[in-house]
Amino acid sequence: MARSIGLNAVAKEAGMTPEALYKALSESDPPLSTLLAVVKALGLQLYVKPRVSSGCG
């Protein structure tokens, strides 16, 4: 989705440089703050809900 909008536009909206955004999203475990900034820049919302379990943990 970031590619269709444009990496530069997403980075700017997220308050990052395109290089920093690319590096952060290339990591196997980017910071949550980066992910939230990108989600917001894309005009999306992130929801957390309890998972449905079949008994244990």
N, C-alpha and C. Protein backbone atom coordinates (compact mmCIF):
# COMPACT_ATOMS: atom_id res chain seq x y z
N MET A 1 0.82 -1.19 0.00
CA MET A 1 0.00 0.00 0.00
C MET A 1 0.87 1.26 0.00
N ALA A 2 1.98 1.22 0.73
CA ALA A 2 2.87 2.39 0.77
C ALA A 2 3.41 2.71 -0.61
N ARG A 3 3.66 1.69 -1.41
CA ARG A 3 4.18 1.92 -2.76
C ARG A 3 3.16 2.62 -3.64
N SER A 4 1.88 2.26 -3.50
CA SER A 4 0.86 2.88 -4.35
C SER A 4 0.67 4.35 -3.99
N ILE A 5 0.84 4.70 -2.74
CA ILE A 5 0.72 6.09 -2.31
C ILE A 5 2.02 6.83 -2.58
N GLY A 6 3.11 6.16 -2.44
CA GLY A 6 4.43 6.75 -2.65
C GLY A 6 5.20 6.77 -1.34
N LEU A 7 6.36 6.16 -1.39
CA LEU A 7 7.20 6.06 -0.20
C LEU A 7 7.53 7.44 0.36
N ASN A 8 7.83 8.39 -0.52
CA ASN A 8 8.18 9.73 -0.05
C ASN A 8 7.03 10.39 0.69
N ALA A 9 5.81 10.25 0.17
CA ALA A 9 4.64 10.86 0.80
C ALA A 9 4.35 10.20 2.15
N VAL A 10 4.46 8.88 2.22
CA VAL A 10 4.22 8.17 3.48
C VAL A 10 5.27 8.57 4.50
N ALA A 11 6.53 8.62 4.09
CA ALA A 11 7.61 9.00 5.00
C ALA A 11 7.39 10.41 5.54
N LYS A 12 7.04 11.33 4.66
CA LYS A 12 6.81 12.72 5.08
C LYS A 12 5.68 12.79 6.09
N GLU A 13 4.58 12.10 5.80
CA GLU A 13 3.43 12.11 6.70
C GLU A 13 3.75 11.45 8.04
N ALA A 14 4.65 10.47 8.02
CA ALA A 14 5.05 9.76 9.24
C ALA A 14 6.15 10.51 10.00
N GLY A 15 6.65 11.61 9.42
CA GLY A 15 7.69 12.38 10.08
C GLY A 15 9.06 11.77 9.97
N MET A 16 9.31 11.06 8.88
CA MET A 16 10.57 10.37 8.68
C MET A 16 11.12 10.71 7.30
N THR A 17 12.39 10.41 7.10
CA THR A 17 12.95 10.50 5.75
C THR A 17 12.59 9.20 5.03
N PRO A 18 12.54 9.22 3.71
CA PRO A 18 12.28 7.97 2.98
C PRO A 18 13.31 6.88 3.31
N GLU A 19 14.56 7.28 3.48
CA GLU A 19 15.60 6.31 3.81
C GLU A 19 15.36 5.66 5.17
N ALA A 20 14.97 6.48 6.15
CA ALA A 20 14.71 5.96 7.49
C ALA A 20 13.49 5.03 7.49
N LEU A 21 12.47 5.40 6.73
CA LEU A 21 11.28 4.57 6.63
C LEU A 21 11.62 3.23 5.98
N TYR A 22 12.35 3.27 4.88
CA TYR A 22 12.74 2.03 4.20
C TYR A 22 13.54 1.14 5.13
N LYS A 23 14.50 1.72 5.84
CA LYS A 23 15.34 0.94 6.75
C LYS A 23 14.49 0.33 7.87
N ALA A 24 13.59 1.14 8.45
CA ALA A 24 12.77 0.65 9.55
C ALA A 24 11.87 -0.50 9.11
N LEU A 25 11.29 -0.38 7.91
CA LEU A 25 10.39 -1.43 7.44
C LEU A 25 11.13 -2.65 6.91
N SER A 26 12.44 -2.51 6.69
CA SER A 26 13.25 -3.64 6.25
C SER A 26 13.72 -4.49 7.43
N GLU A 27 13.64 -3.93 8.64
CA GLU A 27 14.05 -4.66 9.83
C GLU A 27 13.04 -5.76 10.14
N SER A 28 13.52 -6.82 10.79
CA SER A 28 12.61 -7.91 11.14
C SER A 28 11.73 -7.54 12.33
N ASP A 29 12.13 -6.54 13.12
CA ASP A 29 11.37 -6.14 14.30
C ASP A 29 11.40 -4.62 14.46
N PRO A 30 10.69 -3.89 13.57
CA PRO A 30 10.71 -2.42 13.67
C PRO A 30 10.02 -1.96 14.95
N PRO A 31 10.40 -0.78 15.44
CA PRO A 31 9.76 -0.25 16.65
C PRO A 31 8.26 -0.05 16.45
N LEU A 32 7.49 -0.27 17.50
CA LEU A 32 6.04 -0.09 17.43
C LEU A 32 5.70 1.35 17.05
N SER A 33 6.47 2.30 17.55
CA SER A 33 6.20 3.70 17.22
C SER A 33 6.30 3.96 15.72
N THR A 34 7.23 3.29 15.06
CA THR A 34 7.38 3.44 13.61
C THR A 34 6.19 2.82 12.90
N LEU A 35 5.80 1.64 13.32
CA LEU A 35 4.64 0.99 12.71
C LEU A 35 3.38 1.83 12.87
N LEU A 36 3.19 2.39 14.06
CA LEU A 36 2.01 3.22 14.30
C LEU A 36 2.04 4.49 13.46
N ALA A 37 3.20 5.08 13.30
CA ALA A 37 3.32 6.28 12.46
C ALA A 37 2.99 5.97 11.01
N VAL A 38 3.43 4.83 10.53
CA VAL A 38 3.15 4.44 9.14
C VAL A 38 1.67 4.12 8.97
N VAL A 39 1.10 3.42 9.91
CA VAL A 39 -0.33 3.11 9.86
C VAL A 39 -1.14 4.40 9.80
N LYS A 40 -0.80 5.36 10.64
CA LYS A 40 -1.49 6.64 10.65
C LYS A 40 -1.28 7.39 9.34
N ALA A 41 -0.06 7.37 8.81
CA ALA A 41 0.25 8.06 7.56
C ALA A 41 -0.54 7.48 6.40
N LEU A 42 -0.84 6.20 6.46
CA LEU A 42 -1.61 5.54 5.41
C LEU A 42 -3.11 5.73 5.59
N GLY A 43 -3.51 6.40 6.67
CA GLY A 43 -4.93 6.62 6.91
C GLY A 43 -5.64 5.39 7.42
N LEU A 44 -4.90 4.53 8.08
CA LEU A 44 -5.46 3.29 8.60
C LEU A 44 -5.54 3.33 10.12
N GLN A 45 -6.25 2.38 10.68
CA GLN A 45 -6.33 2.22 12.13
C GLN A 45 -5.90 0.81 12.47
N LEU A 46 -5.30 0.67 13.63
CA LEU A 46 -4.86 -0.62 14.11
C LEU A 46 -5.68 -0.98 15.33
N TYR A 47 -6.28 -2.14 15.31
CA TYR A 47 -7.11 -2.59 16.42
C TYR A 47 -6.48 -3.81 17.06
N VAL A 48 -6.65 -3.90 18.38
CA VAL A 48 -6.20 -5.06 19.14
C VAL A 48 -7.42 -5.67 19.78
N LYS A 49 -7.57 -6.97 19.62
CA LYS A 49 -8.70 -7.64 20.24
C LYS A 49 -8.21 -8.95 20.81
N PRO A 50 -8.93 -9.45 21.80
CA PRO A 50 -8.52 -10.73 22.39
C PRO A 50 -8.58 -11.84 21.32
N ARG A 51 -7.62 -12.71 21.36
CA ARG A 51 -7.66 -13.81 20.41
C ARG A 51 -8.57 -14.90 20.94
N VAL A 52 -9.14 -15.62 20.05
CA VAL A 52 -10.02 -16.73 20.41
C VAL A 52 -9.14 -17.94 20.63
N SER A 53 -9.24 -18.51 21.82
CA SER A 53 -8.38 -19.65 22.12
C SER A 53 -9.24 -20.90 22.29
N SER A 54 -8.58 -22.02 22.13
CA SER A 54 -9.28 -23.29 22.25
C SER A 54 -8.98 -23.96 23.59
N GLY A 55 -8.69 -23.19 24.58
CA GLY A 55 -8.45 -23.78 25.89
C GLY A 55 -7.30 -23.15 26.61
N CYS A 56 -6.07 -23.42 26.17
CA CYS A 56 -4.93 -22.84 26.89
C CYS A 56 -4.22 -21.80 26.05
N GLY A 57 -3.68 -20.83 26.78
CA GLY A 57 -2.89 -19.76 26.40
C GLY A 57 -2.69 -19.28 25.10
